[in-house]
Amino acid sequence: MRRMLIMGLAGFAGWASPAGAGWFSSTGPVIAIFAGELFQGEAVGKLNGSGTIMIQSSTAPGVTCNGQFTSSVELGGAGSLKCSDSATATVKFQRLSILRGYGTGSSTRGPMSFTYGLSAIKSKPYLKLPPGKALRQDGKNLVLVDTKQLVPALLPVKARISPAPQVVPDMPPVMQR
């Protein structure tokens, strides 16, 4: 019994983030579309269901939002945010697992949709993007781009491309007698 308890505690300790979120807590990425603008940050959730969230505008890095939330399996989650530009928001979210989920909110800036603990690719179905916009990975950065300006992805070439055939220069016409 004692061995099982130690193994269980060791498993929970593995949830702690490298940034030192602490025992019995987990830190994960947040991707949000807030009033048509991309925000990114992180959420720190505690084992008791409470936590904090911090997001930052991708286009105006000086605009940040901080808040708190509570969550339970039965009721989902709810929270509030206060931003550096005086905007406020209330959010509700659903768990996909103990470390992943999605939600929506309303604010003094406009509507909000977000994910936590998900990659950009897995977040797409849950984010309400502005019309004519798409999420695109630009190196290590996630950006919101116009769909009209999307550059097609370059696919790896699996077959060799043969060189173009040589062109024989035009011959002068043969003179007739």
N, C-alpha and C. Protein backbone atom coordinates (compact mmCIF):
# COMPACT_ATOMS: atom_id res chain seq x y z
N MET A 1 0.82 -1.19 0.00
CA MET A 1 0.00 0.00 0.00
C MET A 1 0.87 1.26 0.00
N ARG A 2 1.89 1.26 0.83
CA ARG A 2 2.79 2.40 0.92
C ARG A 2 3.48 2.64 -0.42
N ARG A 3 3.87 1.55 -1.08
CA ARG A 3 4.54 1.65 -2.37
C ARG A 3 3.59 2.26 -3.41
N MET A 4 2.31 1.88 -3.40
CA MET A 4 1.34 2.43 -4.34
C MET A 4 1.16 3.93 -4.11
N LEU A 5 1.13 4.37 -2.85
CA LEU A 5 0.97 5.77 -2.53
C LEU A 5 2.16 6.57 -3.04
N ILE A 6 3.37 6.07 -2.87
CA ILE A 6 4.57 6.77 -3.34
C ILE A 6 4.57 6.85 -4.86
N MET A 7 4.18 5.78 -5.54
CA MET A 7 4.13 5.79 -7.01
C MET A 7 3.08 6.78 -7.49
N GLY A 8 1.94 6.84 -6.82
CA GLY A 8 0.89 7.79 -7.20
C GLY A 8 1.34 9.22 -7.03
N LEU A 9 2.02 9.52 -5.94
CA LEU A 9 2.52 10.87 -5.73
C LEU A 9 3.60 11.22 -6.73
N ALA A 10 4.41 10.27 -7.09
CA ALA A 10 5.45 10.51 -8.10
C ALA A 10 4.81 10.84 -9.44
N GLY A 11 3.72 10.18 -9.76
CA GLY A 11 3.01 10.47 -11.01
C GLY A 11 2.46 11.88 -11.03
N PHE A 12 1.86 12.32 -9.92
CA PHE A 12 1.35 13.69 -9.84
C PHE A 12 2.48 14.70 -9.89
N ALA A 13 3.61 14.39 -9.30
CA ALA A 13 4.74 15.31 -9.30
C ALA A 13 5.22 15.55 -10.73
N GLY A 14 5.05 14.58 -11.60
CA GLY A 14 5.45 14.73 -13.00
C GLY A 14 4.64 15.78 -13.73
N TRP A 15 3.48 16.16 -13.20
CA TRP A 15 2.66 17.19 -13.83
C TRP A 15 3.27 18.57 -13.69
N ALA A 16 4.08 18.77 -12.66
CA ALA A 16 4.64 20.10 -12.42
C ALA A 16 5.48 20.52 -13.62
N SER A 17 5.37 21.79 -13.96
CA SER A 17 6.08 22.28 -15.13
C SER A 17 7.54 22.54 -14.82
N PRO A 18 8.38 22.57 -15.85
CA PRO A 18 9.77 22.91 -15.64
C PRO A 18 9.92 24.33 -15.11
N ALA A 19 8.96 25.19 -15.41
CA ALA A 19 9.03 26.57 -14.94
C ALA A 19 8.72 26.67 -13.45
N GLY A 20 8.40 25.54 -12.84
CA GLY A 20 8.18 25.54 -11.40
C GLY A 20 6.77 25.92 -10.99
N ALA A 21 5.78 25.45 -11.71
CA ALA A 21 4.41 25.75 -11.36
C ALA A 21 4.08 25.20 -9.99
N GLY A 22 4.84 24.26 -9.52
CA GLY A 22 4.64 23.73 -8.17
C GLY A 22 4.08 22.33 -8.19
N TRP A 23 4.08 21.73 -7.01
CA TRP A 23 3.54 20.39 -6.86
C TRP A 23 2.05 20.42 -7.15
N PHE A 24 1.57 19.37 -7.75
CA PHE A 24 0.15 19.19 -8.02
C PHE A 24 -0.43 20.28 -8.92
N SER A 25 0.37 20.79 -9.85
CA SER A 25 -0.11 21.76 -10.82
C SER A 25 0.49 21.44 -12.19
N SER A 26 -0.11 22.02 -13.22
CA SER A 26 0.36 21.78 -14.57
C SER A 26 0.25 23.07 -15.37
N THR A 27 1.25 23.32 -16.20
CA THR A 27 1.26 24.50 -17.06
C THR A 27 1.11 24.04 -18.50
N GLY A 28 0.23 24.72 -19.26
CA GLY A 28 0.02 24.35 -20.65
C GLY A 28 -0.22 25.57 -21.51
N PRO A 29 -0.06 25.43 -22.82
CA PRO A 29 -0.23 26.55 -23.74
C PRO A 29 -1.70 26.94 -23.91
N VAL A 30 -1.92 28.22 -24.16
CA VAL A 30 -3.25 28.75 -24.47
C VAL A 30 -3.17 29.45 -25.80
N ILE A 31 -4.12 29.17 -26.69
CA ILE A 31 -4.25 29.86 -27.96
C ILE A 31 -5.65 30.46 -27.95
N ALA A 32 -5.75 31.77 -28.18
CA ALA A 32 -7.05 32.44 -28.12
C ALA A 32 -7.25 33.36 -29.30
N ILE A 33 -8.47 33.43 -29.76
CA ILE A 33 -8.89 34.45 -30.73
C ILE A 33 -9.78 35.38 -29.92
N PHE A 34 -9.28 36.57 -29.68
CA PHE A 34 -9.91 37.52 -28.78
C PHE A 34 -10.27 38.76 -29.60
N ALA A 35 -11.56 38.96 -29.85
CA ALA A 35 -12.05 40.08 -30.66
C ALA A 35 -11.35 40.11 -32.02
N GLY A 36 -11.18 38.93 -32.63
CA GLY A 36 -10.59 38.82 -33.96
C GLY A 36 -9.08 38.88 -34.00
N GLU A 37 -8.44 38.89 -32.84
CA GLU A 37 -6.99 39.00 -32.76
C GLU A 37 -6.42 37.75 -32.08
N LEU A 38 -5.24 37.32 -32.53
CA LEU A 38 -4.59 36.14 -31.95
C LEU A 38 -3.86 36.52 -30.67
N PHE A 39 -4.16 35.78 -29.60
CA PHE A 39 -3.46 35.90 -28.33
C PHE A 39 -2.89 34.53 -28.00
N GLN A 40 -1.73 34.50 -27.35
CA GLN A 40 -1.13 33.25 -26.91
C GLN A 40 -0.58 33.43 -25.50
N GLY A 41 -0.50 32.33 -24.79
CA GLY A 41 0.04 32.40 -23.44
C GLY A 41 0.02 31.04 -22.79
N GLU A 42 -0.24 31.05 -21.48
CA GLU A 42 -0.28 29.78 -20.77
C GLU A 42 -1.25 29.85 -19.61
N ALA A 43 -1.68 28.66 -19.24
CA ALA A 43 -2.55 28.51 -18.07
C ALA A 43 -1.85 27.56 -17.10
N VAL A 44 -2.01 27.84 -15.83
CA VAL A 44 -1.49 26.98 -14.78
C VAL A 44 -2.70 26.47 -14.01
N GLY A 45 -2.92 25.16 -14.08
CA GLY A 45 -4.04 24.55 -13.39
C GLY A 45 -3.56 23.73 -12.20
N LYS A 46 -4.28 23.85 -11.11
CA LYS A 46 -3.95 23.09 -9.90
C LYS A 46 -4.86 21.87 -9.82
N LEU A 47 -4.45 20.90 -9.06
CA LEU A 47 -5.19 19.66 -8.91
C LEU A 47 -6.61 19.90 -8.39
N ASN A 48 -6.82 20.95 -7.61
CA ASN A 48 -8.14 21.23 -7.06
C ASN A 48 -9.09 21.88 -8.07
N GLY A 49 -8.61 22.14 -9.31
CA GLY A 49 -9.46 22.71 -10.35
C GLY A 49 -9.33 24.21 -10.52
N SER A 50 -8.61 24.88 -9.65
CA SER A 50 -8.42 26.32 -9.79
C SER A 50 -7.15 26.58 -10.60
N GLY A 51 -7.02 27.80 -11.09
CA GLY A 51 -5.81 28.11 -11.82
C GLY A 51 -5.76 29.54 -12.29
N THR A 52 -4.67 29.85 -12.99
CA THR A 52 -4.47 31.19 -13.53
C THR A 52 -4.20 31.08 -15.03
N ILE A 53 -4.48 32.17 -15.73
CA ILE A 53 -4.25 32.24 -17.17
C ILE A 53 -3.60 33.57 -17.49
N MET A 54 -2.66 33.55 -18.43
CA MET A 54 -2.00 34.77 -18.90
C MET A 54 -1.87 34.63 -20.41
N ILE A 55 -2.41 35.62 -21.15
CA ILE A 55 -2.28 35.63 -22.61
C ILE A 55 -1.77 36.99 -23.05
N GLN A 56 -1.16 37.01 -24.24
CA GLN A 56 -0.57 38.22 -24.79
C GLN A 56 -0.93 38.32 -26.26
N SER A 57 -1.23 39.53 -26.71
CA SER A 57 -1.54 39.77 -28.11
C SER A 57 -0.33 39.47 -28.98
N SER A 58 -0.55 38.80 -30.10
CA SER A 58 0.54 38.50 -31.03
C SER A 58 0.89 39.71 -31.89
N THR A 59 -0.07 40.63 -32.07
CA THR A 59 0.20 41.79 -32.91
C THR A 59 0.54 43.04 -32.10
N ALA A 60 0.10 43.10 -30.85
CA ALA A 60 0.40 44.22 -29.96
C ALA A 60 0.92 43.64 -28.65
N PRO A 61 2.20 43.25 -28.59
CA PRO A 61 2.74 42.55 -27.43
C PRO A 61 2.56 43.26 -26.09
N GLY A 62 2.28 44.55 -26.12
CA GLY A 62 2.04 45.28 -24.88
C GLY A 62 0.69 44.99 -24.26
N VAL A 63 -0.21 44.36 -25.03
CA VAL A 63 -1.55 44.04 -24.52
C VAL A 63 -1.52 42.63 -23.94
N THR A 64 -1.68 42.54 -22.64
CA THR A 64 -1.70 41.25 -21.95
C THR A 64 -2.98 41.15 -21.14
N CYS A 65 -3.40 39.91 -20.89
CA CYS A 65 -4.59 39.65 -20.07
C CYS A 65 -4.23 38.58 -19.05
N ASN A 66 -4.65 38.80 -17.82
CA ASN A 66 -4.42 37.85 -16.74
C ASN A 66 -5.75 37.54 -16.07
N GLY A 67 -5.88 36.32 -15.58
CA GLY A 67 -7.12 35.97 -14.91
C GLY A 67 -7.02 34.69 -14.12
N GLN A 68 -8.18 34.30 -13.61
CA GLN A 68 -8.28 33.09 -12.81
C GLN A 68 -9.46 32.27 -13.29
N PHE A 69 -9.40 30.96 -12.99
CA PHE A 69 -10.51 30.08 -13.37
C PHE A 69 -10.68 28.98 -12.33
N THR A 70 -11.84 28.35 -12.40
CA THR A 70 -12.10 27.14 -11.62
C THR A 70 -12.70 26.12 -12.58
N SER A 71 -12.52 24.85 -12.28
CA SER A 71 -12.96 23.81 -13.19
C SER A 71 -13.32 22.55 -12.42
N SER A 72 -14.34 21.85 -12.96
CA SER A 72 -14.69 20.53 -12.42
C SER A 72 -15.19 19.67 -13.57
N VAL A 73 -15.10 18.37 -13.41
CA VAL A 73 -15.55 17.45 -14.45
C VAL A 73 -17.05 17.63 -14.68
N GLU A 74 -17.81 17.76 -13.62
CA GLU A 74 -19.27 17.85 -13.72
C GLU A 74 -19.75 19.14 -14.36
N LEU A 75 -19.15 20.28 -13.98
CA LEU A 75 -19.65 21.58 -14.39
C LEU A 75 -18.84 22.26 -15.48
N GLY A 76 -17.71 21.69 -15.85
CA GLY A 76 -16.83 22.39 -16.79
C GLY A 76 -16.08 23.47 -16.04
N GLY A 77 -15.69 24.52 -16.75
CA GLY A 77 -14.91 25.57 -16.10
C GLY A 77 -15.43 26.94 -16.43
N ALA A 78 -15.04 27.90 -15.59
CA ALA A 78 -15.41 29.29 -15.79
C ALA A 78 -14.29 30.15 -15.21
N GLY A 79 -14.16 31.35 -15.77
CA GLY A 79 -13.13 32.24 -15.27
C GLY A 79 -13.33 33.65 -15.76
N SER A 80 -12.41 34.51 -15.38
CA SER A 80 -12.46 35.91 -15.80
C SER A 80 -11.05 36.39 -16.08
N LEU A 81 -10.97 37.39 -16.96
CA LEU A 81 -9.70 37.98 -17.36
C LEU A 81 -9.80 39.50 -17.26
N LYS A 82 -8.67 40.11 -16.95
CA LYS A 82 -8.55 41.56 -16.96
C LYS A 82 -7.32 41.88 -17.80
N CYS A 83 -7.47 42.80 -18.75
CA CYS A 83 -6.40 43.08 -19.70
C CYS A 83 -5.74 44.44 -19.43
N SER A 84 -4.53 44.58 -19.93
CA SER A 84 -3.76 45.80 -19.74
C SER A 84 -4.36 46.99 -20.48
N ASP A 85 -5.24 46.76 -21.47
CA ASP A 85 -5.91 47.84 -22.18
C ASP A 85 -7.29 48.13 -21.58
N SER A 86 -7.51 47.66 -20.35
CA SER A 86 -8.75 47.87 -19.57
C SER A 86 -9.90 46.95 -19.99
N ALA A 87 -9.71 46.09 -20.97
CA ALA A 87 -10.76 45.14 -21.36
C ALA A 87 -10.93 44.09 -20.26
N THR A 88 -12.15 43.58 -20.11
CA THR A 88 -12.43 42.49 -19.19
C THR A 88 -13.19 41.41 -19.95
N ALA A 89 -13.07 40.18 -19.49
CA ALA A 89 -13.73 39.06 -20.17
C ALA A 89 -14.17 38.01 -19.15
N THR A 90 -15.24 37.33 -19.48
CA THR A 90 -15.66 36.14 -18.73
C THR A 90 -15.62 34.98 -19.70
N VAL A 91 -15.16 33.83 -19.23
CA VAL A 91 -15.01 32.67 -20.10
C VAL A 91 -15.64 31.43 -19.46
N LYS A 92 -16.04 30.51 -20.34
CA LYS A 92 -16.52 29.19 -19.93
C LYS A 92 -15.77 28.19 -20.80
N PHE A 93 -15.48 27.01 -20.25
CA PHE A 93 -14.75 26.02 -21.04
C PHE A 93 -15.12 24.61 -20.65
N GLN A 94 -14.80 23.70 -21.56
CA GLN A 94 -15.04 22.27 -21.38
C GLN A 94 -13.72 21.53 -21.45
N ARG A 95 -13.58 20.54 -20.61
CA ARG A 95 -12.38 19.70 -20.63
C ARG A 95 -12.48 18.66 -21.74
N LEU A 96 -11.39 18.45 -22.43
CA LEU A 96 -11.26 17.29 -23.31
C LEU A 96 -10.55 16.18 -22.54
N SER A 97 -9.70 16.60 -21.62
CA SER A 97 -9.01 15.72 -20.67
C SER A 97 -8.65 16.61 -19.49
N ILE A 98 -7.98 16.07 -18.52
CA ILE A 98 -7.63 16.89 -17.35
C ILE A 98 -6.67 18.03 -17.72
N LEU A 99 -5.92 17.88 -18.81
CA LEU A 99 -4.93 18.89 -19.20
C LEU A 99 -5.26 19.64 -20.49
N ARG A 100 -6.39 19.31 -21.12
CA ARG A 100 -6.72 19.90 -22.42
C ARG A 100 -8.20 20.27 -22.48
N GLY A 101 -8.49 21.35 -23.23
CA GLY A 101 -9.88 21.75 -23.38
C GLY A 101 -10.03 22.95 -24.29
N TYR A 102 -11.27 23.45 -24.35
CA TYR A 102 -11.59 24.58 -25.22
C TYR A 102 -12.71 25.38 -24.57
N GLY A 103 -12.85 26.63 -25.02
CA GLY A 103 -13.91 27.45 -24.44
C GLY A 103 -14.21 28.68 -25.26
N THR A 104 -15.19 29.43 -24.75
CA THR A 104 -15.60 30.68 -25.37
C THR A 104 -15.79 31.71 -24.27
N GLY A 105 -15.90 32.95 -24.70
CA GLY A 105 -16.12 34.00 -23.74
C GLY A 105 -16.64 35.25 -24.39
N SER A 106 -17.02 36.19 -23.55
CA SER A 106 -17.44 37.50 -24.03
C SER A 106 -16.64 38.54 -23.26
N SER A 107 -16.43 39.67 -23.91
CA SER A 107 -15.60 40.69 -23.28
C SER A 107 -16.05 42.08 -23.73
N THR A 108 -15.45 43.06 -23.14
CA THR A 108 -15.70 44.44 -23.55
C THR A 108 -15.05 44.72 -24.91
N ARG A 109 -14.17 43.85 -25.38
CA ARG A 109 -13.55 43.99 -26.71
C ARG A 109 -14.33 43.24 -27.78
N GLY A 110 -15.06 42.20 -27.40
CA GLY A 110 -15.77 41.37 -28.36
C GLY A 110 -15.69 39.91 -27.96
N PRO A 111 -16.11 39.00 -28.86
CA PRO A 111 -16.15 37.57 -28.52
C PRO A 111 -14.75 36.97 -28.43
N MET A 112 -14.69 35.81 -27.77
CA MET A 112 -13.43 35.12 -27.55
C MET A 112 -13.64 33.62 -27.69
N SER A 113 -12.70 32.94 -28.30
CA SER A 113 -12.66 31.47 -28.30
C SER A 113 -11.22 31.09 -27.99
N PHE A 114 -11.03 29.95 -27.34
CA PHE A 114 -9.67 29.59 -26.93
C PHE A 114 -9.54 28.08 -26.71
N THR A 115 -8.30 27.64 -26.69
CA THR A 115 -7.98 26.26 -26.33
C THR A 115 -6.85 26.30 -25.30
N TYR A 116 -6.75 25.24 -24.54
CA TYR A 116 -5.61 25.10 -23.63
C TYR A 116 -5.10 23.68 -23.71
N GLY A 117 -3.77 23.56 -23.68
CA GLY A 117 -3.13 22.25 -23.72
C GLY A 117 -3.12 21.59 -25.08
N LEU A 118 -3.53 22.29 -26.13
CA LEU A 118 -3.59 21.73 -27.47
C LEU A 118 -2.59 22.41 -28.39
N SER A 119 -2.11 21.66 -29.38
CA SER A 119 -1.24 22.24 -30.40
C SER A 119 -2.10 23.13 -31.31
N ALA A 120 -1.45 23.92 -32.14
CA ALA A 120 -2.17 24.78 -33.07
C ALA A 120 -3.05 23.96 -34.01
N ILE A 121 -2.55 22.85 -34.49
CA ILE A 121 -3.32 22.02 -35.41
C ILE A 121 -4.56 21.46 -34.73
N LYS A 122 -4.41 20.95 -33.52
CA LYS A 122 -5.55 20.39 -32.80
C LYS A 122 -6.50 21.46 -32.28
N SER A 123 -6.07 22.71 -32.23
CA SER A 123 -6.91 23.81 -31.76
C SER A 123 -7.88 24.31 -32.82
N LYS A 124 -7.53 24.14 -34.09
CA LYS A 124 -8.31 24.74 -35.18
C LYS A 124 -9.82 24.49 -35.11
N PRO A 125 -10.29 23.26 -34.82
CA PRO A 125 -11.74 23.06 -34.80
C PRO A 125 -12.47 23.83 -33.70
N TYR A 126 -11.76 24.26 -32.68
CA TYR A 126 -12.38 24.91 -31.54
C TYR A 126 -12.28 26.43 -31.57
N LEU A 127 -11.47 26.98 -32.45
CA LEU A 127 -11.27 28.42 -32.50
C LEU A 127 -12.16 29.05 -33.55
N LYS A 128 -12.83 30.13 -33.20
CA LYS A 128 -13.68 30.87 -34.14
C LYS A 128 -12.83 31.98 -34.74
N LEU A 129 -12.32 31.70 -35.94
CA LEU A 129 -11.45 32.66 -36.62
C LEU A 129 -12.29 33.73 -37.31
N PRO A 130 -11.75 34.94 -37.43
CA PRO A 130 -12.46 35.97 -38.18
C PRO A 130 -12.62 35.54 -39.64
N PRO A 131 -13.66 36.01 -40.32
CA PRO A 131 -13.83 35.67 -41.73
C PRO A 131 -12.59 36.07 -42.54
N GLY A 132 -12.17 35.18 -43.44
CA GLY A 132 -11.02 35.47 -44.31
C GLY A 132 -9.67 35.30 -43.63
N LYS A 133 -9.64 34.70 -42.44
CA LYS A 133 -8.39 34.51 -41.70
C LYS A 133 -8.15 33.02 -41.47
N ALA A 134 -6.87 32.66 -41.28
CA ALA A 134 -6.48 31.29 -40.98
C ALA A 134 -5.25 31.33 -40.07
N LEU A 135 -5.10 30.28 -39.27
CA LEU A 135 -3.90 30.14 -38.44
C LEU A 135 -2.81 29.50 -39.29
N ARG A 136 -1.60 30.01 -39.15
CA ARG A 136 -0.49 29.47 -39.92
C ARG A 136 0.74 29.44 -39.03
N GLN A 137 1.48 28.37 -39.08
CA GLN A 137 2.74 28.26 -38.35
C GLN A 137 3.81 28.93 -39.19
N ASP A 138 4.50 29.91 -38.64
CA ASP A 138 5.56 30.62 -39.33
C ASP A 138 6.84 30.39 -38.54
N GLY A 139 7.54 29.30 -38.87
CA GLY A 139 8.69 28.89 -38.06
C GLY A 139 8.18 28.42 -36.71
N LYS A 140 8.63 29.06 -35.64
CA LYS A 140 8.17 28.71 -34.29
C LYS A 140 6.96 29.53 -33.87
N ASN A 141 6.60 30.54 -34.67
CA ASN A 141 5.51 31.44 -34.31
C ASN A 141 4.20 31.04 -34.97
N LEU A 142 3.12 31.23 -34.25
CA LEU A 142 1.79 31.03 -34.78
C LEU A 142 1.26 32.40 -35.18
N VAL A 143 0.74 32.52 -36.39
CA VAL A 143 0.25 33.81 -36.87
C VAL A 143 -1.15 33.66 -37.45
N LEU A 144 -1.89 34.75 -37.43
CA LEU A 144 -3.21 34.82 -38.04
C LEU A 144 -3.03 35.55 -39.36
N VAL A 145 -3.33 34.90 -40.47
CA VAL A 145 -3.07 35.47 -41.79
C VAL A 145 -4.34 35.54 -42.62
N ASP A 146 -4.32 36.41 -43.64
CA ASP A 146 -5.42 36.48 -44.59
C ASP A 146 -5.41 35.22 -45.44
N THR A 147 -6.56 34.62 -45.66
CA THR A 147 -6.61 33.41 -46.47
C THR A 147 -6.27 33.70 -47.92
N LYS A 148 -6.45 34.91 -48.36
CA LYS A 148 -6.11 35.27 -49.74
C LYS A 148 -4.61 35.30 -49.95
N GLN A 149 -3.85 35.42 -48.87
CA GLN A 149 -2.40 35.52 -48.98
C GLN A 149 -1.69 34.23 -48.58
N LEU A 150 -2.44 33.17 -48.39
CA LEU A 150 -1.81 31.91 -47.98
C LEU A 150 -0.88 31.40 -49.08
N VAL A 151 0.27 31.00 -48.69
CA VAL A 151 1.24 30.43 -49.61
C VAL A 151 1.07 28.92 -49.54
N PRO A 152 0.92 28.24 -50.67
CA PRO A 152 0.77 26.78 -50.60
C PRO A 152 1.98 26.14 -49.94
N ALA A 153 1.72 25.11 -49.20
CA ALA A 153 2.81 24.39 -48.53
C ALA A 153 3.67 23.70 -49.58
N LEU A 154 4.95 23.70 -49.36
CA LEU A 154 5.86 22.98 -50.24
C LEU A 154 5.92 21.55 -49.77
N LEU A 155 5.64 20.65 -50.65
CA LEU A 155 5.66 19.23 -50.31
C LEU A 155 7.00 18.65 -50.70
N PRO A 156 7.50 17.70 -49.92
CA PRO A 156 8.78 17.10 -50.29
C PRO A 156 8.64 16.32 -51.60
N VAL A 157 9.68 16.40 -52.40
CA VAL A 157 9.68 15.69 -53.68
C VAL A 157 10.16 14.28 -53.42
N LYS A 158 9.36 13.31 -53.84
CA LYS A 158 9.71 11.91 -53.61
C LYS A 158 10.36 11.28 -54.84
N ALA A 159 10.08 11.84 -56.00
CA ALA A 159 10.66 11.28 -57.23
C ALA A 159 11.62 12.31 -57.82
N ARG A 160 12.58 11.80 -58.52
CA ARG A 160 13.53 12.70 -59.17
C ARG A 160 12.87 13.35 -60.36
N ILE A 161 13.17 14.58 -60.53
CA ILE A 161 12.65 15.31 -61.68
C ILE A 161 13.74 15.28 -62.74
N SER A 162 13.37 14.78 -63.92
CA SER A 162 14.37 14.69 -64.99
C SER A 162 14.61 16.09 -65.57
N PRO A 163 15.83 16.32 -66.03
CA PRO A 163 16.13 17.64 -66.60
C PRO A 163 15.32 17.86 -67.87
N ALA A 164 15.13 19.12 -68.19
CA ALA A 164 14.38 19.47 -69.39
C ALA A 164 15.13 18.97 -70.63
N PRO A 165 14.39 18.54 -71.65
CA PRO A 165 15.06 18.06 -72.86
C PRO A 165 15.81 19.20 -73.54
N GLN A 166 16.92 18.82 -74.20
CA GLN A 166 17.69 19.83 -74.91
C GLN A 166 16.94 20.22 -76.16
N VAL A 167 16.98 21.49 -76.43
CA VAL A 167 16.30 22.01 -77.60
C VAL A 167 17.34 22.21 -78.70
N VAL A 168 17.04 21.68 -79.88
CA VAL A 168 17.94 21.84 -81.03
C VAL A 168 17.64 23.19 -81.64
N PRO A 169 18.68 24.00 -81.83
CA PRO A 169 18.43 25.33 -82.40
C PRO A 169 17.86 25.20 -83.82
N ASP A 170 17.09 26.19 -84.17
CA ASP A 170 16.50 26.20 -85.52
C ASP A 170 17.59 26.21 -86.57
N MET A 171 17.41 25.41 -87.61
CA MET A 171 18.37 25.34 -88.71
C MET A 171 17.91 26.32 -89.79
N PRO A 172 18.87 26.96 -90.41
CA PRO A 172 18.47 27.86 -91.52
C PRO A 172 17.84 27.03 -92.64
N PRO A 173 16.89 27.59 -93.32
CA PRO A 173 16.25 26.84 -94.39
C PRO A 173 17.24 26.45 -95.48
N VAL A 174 17.02 25.29 -96.07
CA VAL A 174 17.90 24.81 -97.13
C VAL A 174 17.53 25.58 -98.40
N MET A 175 18.57 26.03 -99.07
CA MET A 175 18.32 26.79 -100.28
C MET A 175 17.98 25.85 -101.43
N GLN A 176 17.01 26.20 -102.17
CA GLN A 176 16.61 25.37 -103.29
C GLN A 176 17.14 25.98 -104.59
N ARG A 177 17.48 25.13 -105.56
CA ARG A 177 17.94 25.59 -106.86
C ARG A 177 16.93 25.49 -107.87
